[in-house]
Amino acid sequence: MNRHPKWGEDADEFKPERWLEDVASKPFASFGLGERNCIGKLWSLSIMKRLLIGIMREYVVYRNADAMTMKQKLFLHSESGHYISLQKRSTVEKKTVNGENINK
């Protein structure tokens, strides 16, 4: 891996000092993409989705637009962050979707 001639004649040699040069500041994702992708990526995405579903099931999420200050650059974005409020759902709200009981 990464032994292509474009990396130099000494690509097979262990030389950590080669990465101290300015050339090393350019990103190279040999383990971030393709078949050598991080083995925990899909697992962590699954955990994040389950966490989000759990939050949405237990709480009603409200946005607090009054606390946001917006700035126009190439795109409109928030300078102050995105503020939300969470309110615990009641037991009845948790058991119904569109007014229908889902826990029959």
PDB file of N, CA and C in Angstrom:
ATOM      1  N   MET A   1       0.839  -1.180   0.000  1.00  0.00           N
ATOM      2  CA  MET A   1       0.000   0.000   0.000  1.00  0.00           C
ATOM      3  C   MET A   1       0.886   1.246   0.000  1.00  0.00           C
ATOM      4  N   ASN A   2       0.495   2.222  -0.759  1.00  0.00           N
ATOM      5  CA  ASN A   2       1.211   3.500  -0.844  1.00  0.00           C
ATOM      6  C   ASN A   2       2.672   3.319  -1.249  1.00  0.00           C
ATOM      7  N   ARG A   3       2.943   2.357  -2.105  1.00  0.00           N
ATOM      8  CA  ARG A   3       4.312   2.119  -2.558  1.00  0.00           C
ATOM      9  C   ARG A   3       4.495   2.505  -4.027  1.00  0.00           C
ATOM     10  N   HIS A   4       3.594   3.304  -4.513  1.00  0.00           N
ATOM     11  CA  HIS A   4       3.662   3.765  -5.897  1.00  0.00           C
ATOM     12  C   HIS A   4       4.916   4.615  -6.081  1.00  0.00           C
ATOM     13  N   PRO A   5       5.544   4.529  -7.243  1.00  0.00           N
ATOM     14  CA  PRO A   5       6.767   5.314  -7.489  1.00  0.00           C
ATOM     15  C   PRO A   5       6.600   6.815  -7.272  1.00  0.00           C
ATOM     16  N   LYS A   6       5.388   7.332  -7.390  1.00  0.00           N
ATOM     17  CA  LYS A   6       5.215   8.779  -7.196  1.00  0.00           C
ATOM     18  C   LYS A   6       5.548   9.210  -5.766  1.00  0.00           C
ATOM     19  N   TRP A   7       5.607   8.264  -4.814  1.00  0.00           N
ATOM     20  CA  TRP A   7       5.936   8.599  -3.431  1.00  0.00           C
ATOM     21  C   TRP A   7       7.447   8.609  -3.203  1.00  0.00           C
ATOM     22  N   GLY A   8       8.212   8.272  -4.241  1.00  0.00           N
ATOM     23  CA  GLY A   8       9.672   8.338  -4.141  1.00  0.00           C
ATOM     24  C   GLY A   8      10.309   6.964  -4.162  1.00  0.00           C
ATOM     25  N   GLU A   9      11.627   6.974  -4.364  1.00  0.00           N
ATOM     26  CA  GLU A   9      12.372   5.718  -4.436  1.00  0.00           C
ATOM     27  C   GLU A   9      12.451   5.023  -3.087  1.00  0.00           C
ATOM     28  N   ASP A  10      12.331   5.778  -2.002  1.00  0.00           N
ATOM     29  CA  ASP A  10      12.456   5.204  -0.664  1.00  0.00           C
ATOM     30  C   ASP A  10      11.095   4.969   0.002  1.00  0.00           C
ATOM     31  N   ALA A  11      10.052   4.747  -0.794  1.00  0.00           N
ATOM     32  CA  ALA A  11       8.704   4.557  -0.241  1.00  0.00           C
ATOM     33  C   ALA A  11       8.620   3.333   0.656  1.00  0.00           C
ATOM     34  N   ASP A  12       9.482   2.320   0.433  1.00  0.00           N
ATOM     35  CA  ASP A  12       9.468   1.108   1.250  1.00  0.00           C
ATOM     36  C   ASP A  12      10.184   1.279   2.585  1.00  0.00           C
ATOM     37  N   GLU A  13      10.929   2.344   2.753  1.00  0.00           N
ATOM     38  CA  GLU A  13      11.706   2.552   3.974  1.00  0.00           C
ATOM     39  C   GLU A  13      10.892   3.314   5.014  1.00  0.00           C
ATOM     40  N   PHE A  14      11.103   2.953   6.283  1.00  0.00           N
ATOM     41  CA  PHE A  14      10.444   3.639   7.388  1.00  0.00           C
ATOM     42  C   PHE A  14      11.217   4.915   7.697  1.00  0.00           C
ATOM     43  N   LYS A  15      10.621   6.046   7.341  1.00  0.00           N
ATOM     44  CA  LYS A  15      11.253   7.345   7.569  1.00  0.00           C
ATOM     45  C   LYS A  15      10.200   8.315   8.105  1.00  0.00           C
ATOM     46  N   PRO A  16       9.995   8.344   9.408  1.00  0.00           N
ATOM     47  CA  PRO A  16       8.976   9.249   9.954  1.00  0.00           C
ATOM     48  C   PRO A  16       9.273  10.719   9.692  1.00  0.00           C
ATOM     49  N   GLU A  17      10.537  11.067   9.507  1.00  0.00           N
ATOM     50  CA  GLU A  17      10.883  12.473   9.278  1.00  0.00           C
ATOM     51  C   GLU A  17      10.344  12.998   7.959  1.00  0.00           C
ATOM     52  N   ARG A  18       9.979  12.093   7.048  1.00  0.00           N
ATOM     53  CA  ARG A  18       9.435  12.555   5.765  1.00  0.00           C
ATOM     54  C   ARG A  18       8.126  13.317   5.959  1.00  0.00           C
ATOM     55  N   TRP A  19       7.430  13.046   7.050  1.00  0.00           N
ATOM     56  CA  TRP A  19       6.135  13.686   7.290  1.00  0.00           C
ATOM     57  C   TRP A  19       6.270  15.024   7.993  1.00  0.00           C
ATOM     58  N   LEU A  20       7.476  15.427   8.325  1.00  0.00           N
ATOM     59  CA  LEU A  20       7.691  16.715   8.974  1.00  0.00           C
ATOM     60  C   LEU A  20       7.813  17.854   7.977  1.00  0.00           C
ATOM     61  N   GLU A  21       7.912  17.539   6.713  1.00  0.00           N
ATOM     62  CA  GLU A  21       8.036  18.564   5.686  1.00  0.00           C
ATOM     63  C   GLU A  21       6.687  19.222   5.417  1.00  0.00           C
ATOM     64  N   ASP A  22       6.713  20.333   4.681  1.00  0.00           N
ATOM     65  CA  ASP A  22       5.484  21.036   4.322  1.00  0.00           C
ATOM     66  C   ASP A  22       4.565  20.185   3.462  1.00  0.00           C
ATOM     67  N   VAL A  23       5.126  19.239   2.738  1.00  0.00           N
ATOM     68  CA  VAL A  23       4.319  18.371   1.879  1.00  0.00           C
ATOM     69  C   VAL A  23       3.316  17.584   2.718  1.00  0.00           C
ATOM     70  N   ALA A  24       3.685  17.261   3.957  1.00  0.00           N
ATOM     71  CA  ALA A  24       2.810  16.468   4.818  1.00  0.00           C
ATOM     72  C   ALA A  24       1.562  17.230   5.233  1.00  0.00           C
ATOM     73  N   SER A  25       1.540  18.540   5.054  1.00  0.00           N
ATOM     74  CA  SER A  25       0.358  19.304   5.439  1.00  0.00           C
ATOM     75  C   SER A  25      -0.807  19.092   4.479  1.00  0.00           C
ATOM     76  N   LYS A  26      -0.522  18.497   3.315  1.00  0.00           N
ATOM     77  CA  LYS A  26      -1.592  18.203   2.368  1.00  0.00           C
ATOM     78  C   LYS A  26      -2.280  16.909   2.792  1.00  0.00           C
ATOM     79  N   PRO A  27      -3.592  16.888   2.877  1.00  0.00           N
ATOM     80  CA  PRO A  27      -4.279  15.692   3.370  1.00  0.00           C
ATOM     81  C   PRO A  27      -4.174  14.513   2.406  1.00  0.00           C
ATOM     82  N   PHE A  28      -4.032  13.334   2.972  1.00  0.00           N
ATOM     83  CA  PHE A  28      -4.024  12.095   2.193  1.00  0.00           C
ATOM     84  C   PHE A  28      -4.803  11.064   2.990  1.00  0.00           C
ATOM     85  N   ALA A  29      -5.918  10.620   2.458  1.00  0.00           N
ATOM     86  CA  ALA A  29      -6.842   9.760   3.201  1.00  0.00           C
ATOM     87  C   ALA A  29      -6.689   8.294   2.813  1.00  0.00           C
ATOM     88  N   SER A  30      -5.547   7.690   3.107  1.00  0.00           N
ATOM     89  CA  SER A  30      -5.369   6.293   2.706  1.00  0.00           C
ATOM     90  C   SER A  30      -6.205   5.336   3.543  1.00  0.00           C
ATOM     91  N   PHE A  31      -6.554   5.693   4.772  1.00  0.00           N
ATOM     92  CA  PHE A  31      -7.373   4.816   5.594  1.00  0.00           C
ATOM     93  C   PHE A  31      -8.775   5.376   5.818  1.00  0.00           C
ATOM     94  N   GLY A  32      -9.119   6.472   5.183  1.00  0.00           N
ATOM     95  CA  GLY A  32     -10.415   7.079   5.426  1.00  0.00           C
ATOM     96  C   GLY A  32     -11.457   6.772   4.382  1.00  0.00           C
ATOM     97  N   LEU A  33     -11.044   6.224   3.242  1.00  0.00           N
ATOM     98  CA  LEU A  33     -11.975   6.010   2.148  1.00  0.00           C
ATOM     99  C   LEU A  33     -11.790   4.617   1.566  1.00  0.00           C
ATOM    100  N   GLY A  34     -12.754   4.181   0.807  1.00  0.00           N
ATOM    101  CA  GLY A  34     -12.634   2.913   0.096  1.00  0.00           C
ATOM    102  C   GLY A  34     -12.713   1.710   1.009  1.00  0.00           C
ATOM    103  N   GLU A  35     -12.075   0.632   0.587  1.00  0.00           N
ATOM    104  CA  GLU A  35     -12.183  -0.618   1.332  1.00  0.00           C
ATOM    105  C   GLU A  35     -11.449  -0.575   2.667  1.00  0.00           C
ATOM    106  N   ARG A  36     -10.587   0.399   2.864  1.00  0.00           N
ATOM    107  CA  ARG A  36      -9.877   0.518   4.138  1.00  0.00           C
ATOM    108  C   ARG A  36     -10.515   1.578   5.039  1.00  0.00           C
ATOM    109  N   ASN A  37     -11.775   1.800   4.851  1.00  0.00           N
ATOM    110  CA  ASN A  37     -12.518   2.764   5.647  1.00  0.00           C
ATOM    111  C   ASN A  37     -12.527   2.330   7.111  1.00  0.00           C
ATOM    112  N   CYS A  38     -12.759   3.249   8.000  1.00  0.00           N
ATOM    113  CA  CYS A  38     -12.813   2.963   9.433  1.00  0.00           C
ATOM    114  C   CYS A  38     -13.847   1.878   9.716  1.00  0.00           C
ATOM    115  N   ILE A  39     -13.470   0.839  10.448  1.00  0.00           N
ATOM    116  CA  ILE A  39     -14.386  -0.274  10.693  1.00  0.00           C
ATOM    117  C   ILE A  39     -15.515   0.109  11.646  1.00  0.00           C
ATOM    118  N   GLY A  40     -15.349   1.179  12.397  1.00  0.00           N
ATOM    119  CA  GLY A  40     -16.378   1.591  13.334  1.00  0.00           C
ATOM    120  C   GLY A  40     -17.335   2.634  12.790  1.00  0.00           C
ATOM    121  N   LYS A  41     -17.160   3.057  11.543  1.00  0.00           N
ATOM    122  CA  LYS A  41     -17.978   4.140  10.994  1.00  0.00           C
ATOM    123  C   LYS A  41     -19.457   3.778  10.970  1.00  0.00           C
ATOM    124  N   LEU A  42     -19.805   2.637  10.390  1.00  0.00           N
ATOM    125  CA  LEU A  42     -21.216   2.255  10.301  1.00  0.00           C
ATOM    126  C   LEU A  42     -21.811   2.012  11.678  1.00  0.00           C
ATOM    127  N   TRP A  43     -21.027   1.430  12.578  1.00  0.00           N
ATOM    128  CA  TRP A  43     -21.510   1.196  13.940  1.00  0.00           C
ATOM    129  C   TRP A  43     -21.809   2.521  14.639  1.00  0.00           C
ATOM    130  N   SER A  44     -20.901   3.495  14.523  1.00  0.00           N
ATOM    131  CA  SER A  44     -21.114   4.779  15.187  1.00  0.00           C
ATOM    132  C   SER A  44     -22.290   5.537  14.575  1.00  0.00           C
ATOM    133  N   LEU A  45     -22.469   5.453  13.253  1.00  0.00           N
ATOM    134  CA  LEU A  45     -23.633   6.087  12.627  1.00  0.00           C
ATOM    135  C   LEU A  45     -24.922   5.450  13.125  1.00  0.00           C
ATOM    136  N   SER A  46     -24.921   4.130  13.296  1.00  0.00           N
ATOM    137  CA  SER A  46     -26.093   3.429  13.811  1.00  0.00           C
ATOM    138  C   SER A  46     -26.416   3.882  15.236  1.00  0.00           C
ATOM    139  N   ILE A  47     -25.397   4.019  16.070  1.00  0.00           N
ATOM    140  CA  ILE A  47     -25.598   4.470  17.448  1.00  0.00           C
ATOM    141  C   ILE A  47     -26.147   5.896  17.469  1.00  0.00           C
ATOM    142  N   MET A  48     -25.623   6.767  16.618  1.00  0.00           N
ATOM    143  CA  MET A  48     -26.115   8.149  16.575  1.00  0.00           C
ATOM    144  C   MET A  48     -27.576   8.202  16.143  1.00  0.00           C
ATOM    145  N   LYS A  49     -27.954   7.372  15.168  1.00  0.00           N
ATOM    146  CA  LYS A  49     -29.349   7.338  14.723  1.00  0.00           C
ATOM    147  C   LYS A  49     -30.253   6.853  15.842  1.00  0.00           C
ATOM    148  N   ARG A  50     -29.817   5.813  16.562  1.00  0.00           N
ATOM    149  CA  ARG A  50     -30.631   5.296  17.667  1.00  0.00           C
ATOM    150  C   ARG A  50     -30.770   6.331  18.776  1.00  0.00           C
ATOM    151  N   LEU A  51     -29.711   7.081  19.040  1.00  0.00           N
ATOM    152  CA  LEU A  51     -29.764   8.138  20.044  1.00  0.00           C
ATOM    153  C   LEU A  51     -30.750   9.225  19.631  1.00  0.00           C
ATOM    154  N   LEU A  52     -30.686   9.644  18.372  1.00  0.00           N
ATOM    155  CA  LEU A  52     -31.600  10.668  17.869  1.00  0.00           C
ATOM    156  C   LEU A  52     -33.048  10.195  17.937  1.00  0.00           C
ATOM    157  N   ILE A  53     -33.295   8.950  17.559  1.00  0.00           N
ATOM    158  CA  ILE A  53     -34.651   8.393  17.641  1.00  0.00           C
ATOM    159  C   ILE A  53     -35.128   8.381  19.085  1.00  0.00           C
ATOM    160  N   GLY A  54     -34.248   8.009  20.009  1.00  0.00           N
ATOM    161  CA  GLY A  54     -34.615   8.006  21.427  1.00  0.00           C
ATOM    162  C   GLY A  54     -34.964   9.391  21.940  1.00  0.00           C
ATOM    163  N   ILE A  55     -34.200  10.390  21.529  1.00  0.00           N
ATOM    164  CA  ILE A  55     -34.493  11.769  21.941  1.00  0.00           C
ATOM    165  C   ILE A  55     -35.824  12.222  21.361  1.00  0.00           C
ATOM    166  N   MET A  56     -36.049  11.948  20.076  1.00  0.00           N
ATOM    167  CA  MET A  56     -37.295  12.371  19.434  1.00  0.00           C
ATOM    168  C   MET A  56     -38.506  11.649  20.027  1.00  0.00           C
ATOM    169  N   ARG A  57     -38.315  10.418  20.501  1.00  0.00           N
ATOM    170  CA  ARG A  57     -39.412   9.666  21.103  1.00  0.00           C
ATOM    171  C   ARG A  57     -39.776  10.217  22.482  1.00  0.00           C
ATOM    172  N   GLU A  58     -38.779  10.643  23.238  1.00  0.00           N
ATOM    173  CA  GLU A  58     -39.006  11.072  24.614  1.00  0.00           C
ATOM    174  C   GLU A  58     -39.287  12.571  24.768  1.00  0.00           C
ATOM    175  N   TYR A  59     -38.881  13.372  23.787  1.00  0.00           N
ATOM    176  CA  TYR A  59     -38.994  14.824  23.918  1.00  0.00           C
ATOM    177  C   TYR A  59     -39.604  15.454  22.671  1.00  0.00           C
ATOM    178  N   VAL A  60     -40.271  16.591  22.882  1.00  0.00           N
ATOM    179  CA  VAL A  60     -40.701  17.448  21.784  1.00  0.00           C
ATOM    180  C   VAL A  60     -39.595  18.489  21.632  1.00  0.00           C
ATOM    181  N   VAL A  61     -39.127  18.688  20.418  1.00  0.00           N
ATOM    182  CA  VAL A  61     -38.018  19.605  20.162  1.00  0.00           C
ATOM    183  C   VAL A  61     -38.573  20.894  19.569  1.00  0.00           C
ATOM    184  N   TYR A  62     -38.232  22.014  20.192  1.00  0.00           N
ATOM    185  CA  TYR A  62     -38.640  23.329  19.712  1.00  0.00           C
ATOM    186  C   TYR A  62     -37.395  24.120  19.350  1.00  0.00           C
ATOM    187  N   ARG A  63     -37.466  24.855  18.256  1.00  0.00           N
ATOM    188  CA  ARG A  63     -36.348  25.734  17.925  1.00  0.00           C
ATOM    189  C   ARG A  63     -36.600  27.091  18.559  1.00  0.00           C
ATOM    190  N   ASN A  64     -35.540  27.732  18.969  1.00  0.00           N
ATOM    191  CA  ASN A  64     -35.634  29.044  19.591  1.00  0.00           C
ATOM    192  C   ASN A  64     -35.008  30.059  18.639  1.00  0.00           C
ATOM    193  N   ALA A  65     -35.785  30.464  17.647  1.00  0.00           N
ATOM    194  CA  ALA A  65     -35.275  31.359  16.607  1.00  0.00           C
ATOM    195  C   ALA A  65     -34.970  32.756  17.143  1.00  0.00           C
ATOM    196  N   ASP A  66     -35.597  33.154  18.243  1.00  0.00           N
ATOM    197  CA  ASP A  66     -35.349  34.494  18.790  1.00  0.00           C
ATOM    198  C   ASP A  66     -33.917  34.645  19.298  1.00  0.00           C
ATOM    199  N   ALA A  67     -33.300  33.560  19.728  1.00  0.00           N
ATOM    200  CA  ALA A  67     -31.944  33.622  20.274  1.00  0.00           C
ATOM    201  C   ALA A  67     -30.875  33.549  19.189  1.00  0.00           C
ATOM    202  N   MET A  68     -31.280  33.349  17.942  1.00  0.00           N
ATOM    203  CA  MET A  68     -30.314  33.202  16.851  1.00  0.00           C
ATOM    204  C   MET A  68     -30.051  34.534  16.168  1.00  0.00           C
ATOM    205  N   THR A  69     -28.789  34.774  15.847  1.00  0.00           N
ATOM    206  CA  THR A  69     -28.439  35.912  15.005  1.00  0.00           C
ATOM    207  C   THR A  69     -27.869  35.348  13.710  1.00  0.00           C
ATOM    208  N   MET A  70     -28.400  35.823  12.602  1.00  0.00           N
ATOM    209  CA  MET A  70     -28.035  35.286  11.298  1.00  0.00           C
ATOM    210  C   MET A  70     -27.075  36.234  10.582  1.00  0.00           C
ATOM    211  N   LYS A  71     -26.228  35.667   9.737  1.00  0.00           N
ATOM    212  CA  LYS A  71     -25.303  36.467   8.940  1.00  0.00           C
ATOM    213  C   LYS A  71     -25.293  35.916   7.523  1.00  0.00           C
ATOM    214  N   GLN A  72     -25.345  36.841   6.567  1.00  0.00           N
ATOM    215  CA  GLN A  72     -25.327  36.460   5.159  1.00  0.00           C
ATOM    216  C   GLN A  72     -23.896  36.499   4.645  1.00  0.00           C
ATOM    217  N   LYS A  73     -23.407  35.362   4.217  1.00  0.00           N
ATOM    218  CA  LYS A  73     -22.132  35.276   3.491  1.00  0.00           C
ATOM    219  C   LYS A  73     -22.493  34.661   2.157  1.00  0.00           C
ATOM    220  N   LEU A  74     -21.790  33.631   1.753  1.00  0.00           N
ATOM    221  CA  LEU A  74     -22.196  32.932   0.543  1.00  0.00           C
ATOM    222  C   LEU A  74     -23.552  32.270   0.787  1.00  0.00           C
ATOM    223  N   PHE A  75     -23.721  31.742   2.003  1.00  0.00           N
ATOM    224  CA  PHE A  75     -24.998  31.180   2.438  1.00  0.00           C
ATOM    225  C   PHE A  75     -25.398  31.872   3.731  1.00  0.00           C
ATOM    226  N   LEU A  76     -26.662  31.833   4.037  1.00  0.00           N
ATOM    227  CA  LEU A  76     -27.144  32.377   5.305  1.00  0.00           C
ATOM    228  C   LEU A  76     -26.810  31.381   6.408  1.00  0.00           C
ATOM    229  N   HIS A  77     -26.165  31.842   7.464  1.00  0.00           N
ATOM    230  CA  HIS A  77     -25.828  30.933   8.560  1.00  0.00           C
ATOM    231  C   HIS A  77     -25.979  31.646   9.892  1.00  0.00           C
ATOM    232  N   SER A  78     -26.053  30.858  10.945  1.00  0.00           N
ATOM    233  CA  SER A  78     -26.220  31.386  12.285  1.00  0.00           C
ATOM    234  C   SER A  78     -24.858  31.717  12.884  1.00  0.00           C
ATOM    235  N   GLU A  79     -24.715  32.937  13.385  1.00  0.00           N
ATOM    236  CA  GLU A  79     -23.478  33.331  14.061  1.00  0.00           C
ATOM    237  C   GLU A  79     -23.453  32.840  15.496  1.00  0.00           C
ATOM    238  N   SER A  80     -24.614  32.669  16.085  1.00  0.00           N
ATOM    239  CA  SER A  80     -24.692  32.370  17.511  1.00  0.00           C
ATOM    240  C   SER A  80     -25.000  30.910  17.814  1.00  0.00           C
ATOM    241  N   GLY A  81     -25.043  30.057  16.803  1.00  0.00           N
ATOM    242  CA  GLY A  81     -25.386  28.658  17.042  1.00  0.00           C
ATOM    243  C   GLY A  81     -26.873  28.430  16.836  1.00  0.00           C
ATOM    244  N   HIS A  82     -27.280  27.204  16.999  1.00  0.00           N
ATOM    245  CA  HIS A  82     -28.686  26.837  16.843  1.00  0.00           C
ATOM    246  C   HIS A  82     -29.224  26.430  18.202  1.00  0.00           C
ATOM    247  N   TYR A  83     -30.146  27.197  18.716  1.00  0.00           N
ATOM    248  CA  TYR A  83     -30.694  26.937  20.036  1.00  0.00           C
ATOM    249  C   TYR A  83     -31.993  26.161  19.922  1.00  0.00           C
ATOM    250  N   ILE A  84     -32.114  25.124  20.731  1.00  0.00           N
ATOM    251  CA  ILE A  84     -33.343  24.340  20.774  1.00  0.00           C
ATOM    252  C   ILE A  84     -33.765  24.176  22.223  1.00  0.00           C
ATOM    253  N   SER A  85     -35.028  23.859  22.404  1.00  0.00           N
ATOM    254  CA  SER A  85     -35.564  23.536  23.717  1.00  0.00           C
ATOM    255  C   SER A  85     -36.186  22.156  23.633  1.00  0.00           C
ATOM    256  N   LEU A  86     -36.074  21.400  24.714  1.00  0.00           N
ATOM    257  CA  LEU A  86     -36.672  20.074  24.775  1.00  0.00           C
ATOM    258  C   LEU A  86     -37.743  20.066  25.851  1.00  0.00           C
ATOM    259  N   GLN A  87     -38.868  19.457  25.529  1.00  0.00           N
ATOM    260  CA  GLN A  87     -39.935  19.303  26.514  1.00  0.00           C
ATOM    261  C   GLN A  87     -40.301  17.831  26.562  1.00  0.00           C
ATOM    262  N   LYS A  88     -40.310  17.263  27.763  1.00  0.00           N
ATOM    263  CA  LYS A  88     -40.623  15.850  27.947  1.00  0.00           C
ATOM    264  C   LYS A  88     -42.025  15.564  27.438  1.00  0.00           C
ATOM    265  N   ARG A  89     -42.151  14.513  26.635  1.00  0.00           N
ATOM    266  CA  ARG A  89     -43.462  14.121  26.118  1.00  0.00           C
ATOM    267  C   ARG A  89     -44.270  13.444  27.219  1.00  0.00           C
ATOM    268  N   SER A  90     -45.572  13.573  27.133  1.00  0.00           N
ATOM    269  CA  SER A  90     -46.433  12.857  28.072  1.00  0.00           C
ATOM    270  C   SER A  90     -46.554  11.413  27.617  1.00  0.00           C
ATOM    271  N   THR A  91     -47.045  10.544  28.486  1.00  0.00           N
ATOM    272  CA  THR A  91     -47.203   9.126  28.164  1.00  0.00           C
ATOM    273  C   THR A  91     -48.153   8.936  26.998  1.00  0.00           C
ATOM    274  N   VAL A  92     -49.211   9.740  26.928  1.00  0.00           N
ATOM    275  CA  VAL A  92     -50.190   9.619  25.849  1.00  0.00           C
ATOM    276  C   VAL A  92     -49.550   9.968  24.511  1.00  0.00           C
ATOM    277  N   GLU A  93     -48.736  11.019  24.471  1.00  0.00           N
ATOM    278  CA  GLU A  93     -48.079  11.413  23.226  1.00  0.00           C
ATOM    279  C   GLU A  93     -47.140  10.328  22.722  1.00  0.00           C
ATOM    280  N   LYS A  94     -46.472   9.626  23.636  1.00  0.00           N
ATOM    281  CA  LYS A  94     -45.527   8.590  23.243  1.00  0.00           C
ATOM    282  C   LYS A  94     -46.217   7.399  22.598  1.00  0.00           C
ATOM    283  N   LYS A  95     -47.458   7.130  23.022  1.00  0.00           N
ATOM    284  CA  LYS A  95     -48.147   5.925  22.567  1.00  0.00           C
ATOM    285  C   LYS A  95     -48.993   6.138  21.327  1.00  0.00           C
ATOM    286  N   THR A  96     -49.073   7.361  20.834  1.00  0.00           N
ATOM    287  CA  THR A  96     -49.909   7.620  19.669  1.00  0.00           C
ATOM    288  C   THR A  96     -49.107   8.274  18.554  1.00  0.00           C
ATOM    289  N   VAL A  97     -49.472   7.934  17.334  1.00  0.00           N
ATOM    290  CA  VAL A  97     -48.929   8.581  16.149  1.00  0.00           C
ATOM    291  C   VAL A  97     -50.117   9.000  15.313  1.00  0.00           C
ATOM    292  N   ASN A  98     -50.230  10.286  15.037  1.00  0.00           N
ATOM    293  CA  ASN A  98     -51.383  10.834  14.317  1.00  0.00           C
ATOM    294  C   ASN A  98     -52.692  10.452  14.992  1.00  0.00           C
ATOM    295  N   GLY A  99     -52.670  10.417  16.312  1.00  0.00           N
ATOM    296  CA  GLY A  99     -53.880  10.118  17.068  1.00  0.00           C
ATOM    297  C   GLY A  99     -54.209   8.638  17.183  1.00  0.00           C
ATOM    298  N   GLU A 100     -53.443   7.760  16.577  1.00  0.00           N
ATOM    299  CA  GLU A 100     -53.713   6.323  16.640  1.00  0.00           C
ATOM    300  C   GLU A 100     -52.769   5.660  17.629  1.00  0.00           C
ATOM    301  N   ASN A 101     -53.305   4.753  18.427  1.00  0.00           N
ATOM    302  CA  ASN A 101     -52.515   4.039  19.414  1.00  0.00           C
ATOM    303  C   ASN A 101     -51.581   3.062  18.702  1.00  0.00           C
ATOM    304  N   ILE A 102     -50.283   3.162  18.971  1.00  0.00           N
ATOM    305  CA  ILE A 102     -49.324   2.261  18.321  1.00  0.00           C
ATOM    306  C   ILE A 102     -48.924   1.108  19.233  1.00  0.00           C
ATOM    307  N   ASN A 103     -49.381   1.104  20.474  1.00  0.00           N
ATOM    308  CA  ASN A 103     -49.049   0.036  21.427  1.00  0.00           C
ATOM    309  C   ASN A 103     -50.249  -0.859  21.663  1.00  0.00           C
ATOM    310  N   LYS A 104     -50.807  -1.403  20.616  1.00  0.00           N
ATOM    311  CA  LYS A 104     -51.993  -2.257  20.764  1.00  0.00           C
ATOM    312  C   LYS A 104     -51.614  -3.621  21.264  1.00  0.00           C
TER     313      LYS A 104
END
